[in-house]
Amino acid sequence: MPTPQELVAHNRSIEEIRELIGCDALIYQDVDAMKQAVRNAQSSGSPQLDGFDASCFDGVYVAGDVTAQDIAKLNENRVSQEEGDEDHSRLALPNASE
């Protein structure tokens, strides 16, 4: 689970994010609208969804017992990457300052 500082959008404007990821346009979808779109896209005969985990978008965990303090504690125990170290993560993006 990334820390807020590891997310591409953290403290960046839409224009900065767009330039960083190299896209022509960047549009955010409302989380509630995304959830409704998923419900509407269900196949007929599928079990009815009463919810799904969108915690990466809204911070609401399906377990129901994850607090901001829990996330902070997890982040404190992470092994940090030193500046200049090569990032081998699957979703590594270039640093905007490069």
C-alpha atoms as a PDB file:
ATOM      1  CA  MET A   1       0.000   0.000   0.000  1.00  0.00           C
ATOM      2  CA  PRO A   2       1.649   3.267  -1.049  1.00  0.00           C
ATOM      3  CA  THR A   3       2.014   6.215   1.269  1.00  0.00           C
ATOM      4  CA  PRO A   4       0.337   9.443   0.145  1.00  0.00           C
ATOM      5  CA  GLN A   5       3.758  10.816  -0.835  1.00  0.00           C
ATOM      6  CA  GLU A   6       4.283   7.858  -3.210  1.00  0.00           C
ATOM      7  CA  LEU A   7       1.091   8.538  -5.158  1.00  0.00           C
ATOM      8  CA  VAL A   8       1.536  10.349  -8.456  1.00  0.00           C
ATOM      9  CA  ALA A   9      -1.207  12.854  -7.666  1.00  0.00           C
ATOM     10  CA  HIS A  10       0.064  13.815  -4.194  1.00  0.00           C
ATOM     11  CA  ASN A  11       0.476  17.611  -4.032  1.00  0.00           C
ATOM     12  CA  ARG A  12       0.329  17.915  -7.827  1.00  0.00           C
ATOM     13  CA  SER A  13      -2.108  19.777 -10.022  1.00  0.00           C
ATOM     14  CA  ILE A  14      -4.043  18.004 -12.763  1.00  0.00           C
ATOM     15  CA  GLU A  15      -1.764  19.650 -15.327  1.00  0.00           C
ATOM     16  CA  GLU A  16       1.382  18.454 -13.487  1.00  0.00           C
ATOM     17  CA  ILE A  17       0.038  14.891 -13.322  1.00  0.00           C
ATOM     18  CA  ARG A  18      -0.990  14.988 -16.989  1.00  0.00           C
ATOM     19  CA  GLU A  19       2.495  16.086 -18.028  1.00  0.00           C
ATOM     20  CA  LEU A  20       4.194  13.563 -15.734  1.00  0.00           C
ATOM     21  CA  ILE A  21       2.295  10.564 -17.071  1.00  0.00           C
ATOM     22  CA  GLY A  22       2.367  11.856 -20.650  1.00  0.00           C
ATOM     23  CA  CYS A  23      -1.342  11.934 -21.439  1.00  0.00           C
ATOM     24  CA  ASP A  24      -3.289  14.407 -23.556  1.00  0.00           C
ATOM     25  CA  ALA A  25      -6.061  14.857 -20.994  1.00  0.00           C
ATOM     26  CA  LEU A  26      -6.765  13.807 -17.417  1.00  0.00           C
ATOM     27  CA  ILE A  27     -10.280  13.490 -16.052  1.00  0.00           C
ATOM     28  CA  TYR A  28     -11.214  12.270 -12.576  1.00  0.00           C
ATOM     29  CA  GLN A  29     -14.381  10.261 -12.073  1.00  0.00           C
ATOM     30  CA  ASP A  30     -16.418  10.750  -8.942  1.00  0.00           C
ATOM     31  CA  VAL A  31     -16.057   7.686  -6.655  1.00  0.00           C
ATOM     32  CA  ASP A  32     -19.805   7.309  -6.120  1.00  0.00           C
ATOM     33  CA  ALA A  33     -20.379   7.485  -9.883  1.00  0.00           C
ATOM     34  CA  MET A  34     -17.708   4.803 -10.395  1.00  0.00           C
ATOM     35  CA  LYS A  35     -19.397   2.528  -7.854  1.00  0.00           C
ATOM     36  CA  GLN A  36     -22.765   3.045  -9.558  1.00  0.00           C
ATOM     37  CA  ALA A  37     -21.241   2.300 -12.990  1.00  0.00           C
ATOM     38  CA  VAL A  38     -19.882  -1.012 -11.661  1.00  0.00           C
ATOM     39  CA  ARG A  39     -23.293  -1.921 -10.238  1.00  0.00           C
ATOM     40  CA  ASN A  40     -24.966  -1.029 -13.545  1.00  0.00           C
ATOM     41  CA  ALA A  41     -22.477  -3.132 -15.544  1.00  0.00           C
ATOM     42  CA  GLN A  42     -23.329  -6.395 -13.770  1.00  0.00           C
ATOM     43  CA  SER A  43     -24.164  -9.350 -15.981  1.00  0.00           C
ATOM     44  CA  SER A  44     -27.675 -10.699 -15.768  1.00  0.00           C
ATOM     45  CA  GLY A  45     -27.753 -13.723 -13.507  1.00  0.00           C
ATOM     46  CA  SER A  46     -24.817 -12.437 -11.441  1.00  0.00           C
ATOM     47  CA  PRO A  47     -25.261 -12.084  -7.702  1.00  0.00           C
ATOM     48  CA  GLN A  48     -26.336  -8.596  -6.664  1.00  0.00           C
ATOM     49  CA  LEU A  49     -23.438  -6.439  -5.457  1.00  0.00           C
ATOM     50  CA  ASP A  50     -24.053  -4.573  -2.256  1.00  0.00           C
ATOM     51  CA  GLY A  51     -20.607  -2.978  -2.300  1.00  0.00           C
ATOM     52  CA  PHE A  52     -16.986  -3.505  -3.131  1.00  0.00           C
ATOM     53  CA  ASP A  53     -13.600  -2.384  -1.890  1.00  0.00           C
ATOM     54  CA  ALA A  54     -12.792   1.078  -3.223  1.00  0.00           C
ATOM     55  CA  SER A  55     -10.484   1.904  -0.314  1.00  0.00           C
ATOM     56  CA  CYS A  56      -7.731   3.093  -2.626  1.00  0.00           C
ATOM     57  CA  PHE A  57     -10.165   5.802  -3.755  1.00  0.00           C
ATOM     58  CA  ASP A  58     -12.224   6.624  -0.687  1.00  0.00           C
ATOM     59  CA  GLY A  59     -10.268   5.287   2.309  1.00  0.00           C
ATOM     60  CA  VAL A  60     -13.230   3.125   3.400  1.00  0.00           C
ATOM     61  CA  TYR A  61     -11.955  -0.414   4.005  1.00  0.00           C
ATOM     62  CA  VAL A  62     -14.342  -3.360   3.723  1.00  0.00           C
ATOM     63  CA  ALA A  63     -12.859  -4.818   6.919  1.00  0.00           C
ATOM     64  CA  GLY A  64     -14.411  -1.841   8.688  1.00  0.00           C
ATOM     65  CA  ASP A  65     -11.668  -1.616  11.292  1.00  0.00           C
ATOM     66  CA  VAL A  66      -8.748   0.082   9.502  1.00  0.00           C
ATOM     67  CA  THR A  67      -8.104   3.531  10.912  1.00  0.00           C
ATOM     68  CA  ALA A  68      -5.908   6.419   9.795  1.00  0.00           C
ATOM     69  CA  GLN A  69      -3.684   5.555  12.772  1.00  0.00           C
ATOM     70  CA  ASP A  70      -3.303   1.979  11.467  1.00  0.00           C
ATOM     71  CA  ILE A  71      -2.204   3.293   8.068  1.00  0.00           C
ATOM     72  CA  ALA A  72       0.251   5.721   9.682  1.00  0.00           C
ATOM     73  CA  LYS A  73       1.767   2.904  11.764  1.00  0.00           C
ATOM     74  CA  LEU A  74       2.169   0.709   8.665  1.00  0.00           C
ATOM     75  CA  ASN A  75       3.870   3.554   6.847  1.00  0.00           C
ATOM     76  CA  GLU A  76       6.271   4.154   9.754  1.00  0.00           C
ATOM     77  CA  ASN A  77       7.498   0.565   9.497  1.00  0.00           C
ATOM     78  CA  ARG A  78       8.083   0.604   5.745  1.00  0.00           C
ATOM     79  CA  VAL A  79      11.571   0.287   4.361  1.00  0.00           C
ATOM     80  CA  SER A  80      12.150   3.577   2.643  1.00  0.00           C
ATOM     81  CA  GLN A  81      13.869   3.931  -0.684  1.00  0.00           C
ATOM     82  CA  GLU A  82      16.878   6.196  -0.737  1.00  0.00           C
ATOM     83  CA  GLU A  83      17.029   9.032  -3.262  1.00  0.00           C
ATOM     84  CA  GLY A  84      18.821   7.790  -6.347  1.00  0.00           C
ATOM     85  CA  ASP A  85      18.039   4.107  -5.752  1.00  0.00           C
ATOM     86  CA  GLU A  86      16.478   2.389  -8.738  1.00  0.00           C
ATOM     87  CA  ASP A  87      12.761   1.809  -8.278  1.00  0.00           C
ATOM     88  CA  HIS A  88      11.834  -1.763  -9.173  1.00  0.00           C
ATOM     89  CA  SER A  89       8.148  -1.418  -8.323  1.00  0.00           C
ATOM     90  CA  ARG A  90       5.688  -2.388 -11.011  1.00  0.00           C
ATOM     91  CA  LEU A  91       4.122   1.050 -11.125  1.00  0.00           C
ATOM     92  CA  ALA A  92       7.267   3.170 -10.895  1.00  0.00           C
ATOM     93  CA  LEU A  93       6.871   6.542 -12.584  1.00  0.00           C
ATOM     94  CA  PRO A  94       9.630   8.965 -13.474  1.00  0.00           C
ATOM     95  CA  ASN A  95      10.419  11.688 -10.987  1.00  0.00           C
ATOM     96  CA  ALA A  96       8.970  15.028 -12.099  1.00  0.00           C
ATOM     97  CA  SER A  97      12.227  16.785 -11.220  1.00  0.00           C
ATOM     98  CA  GLU A  98      14.312  14.681 -13.632  1.00  0.00           C
END
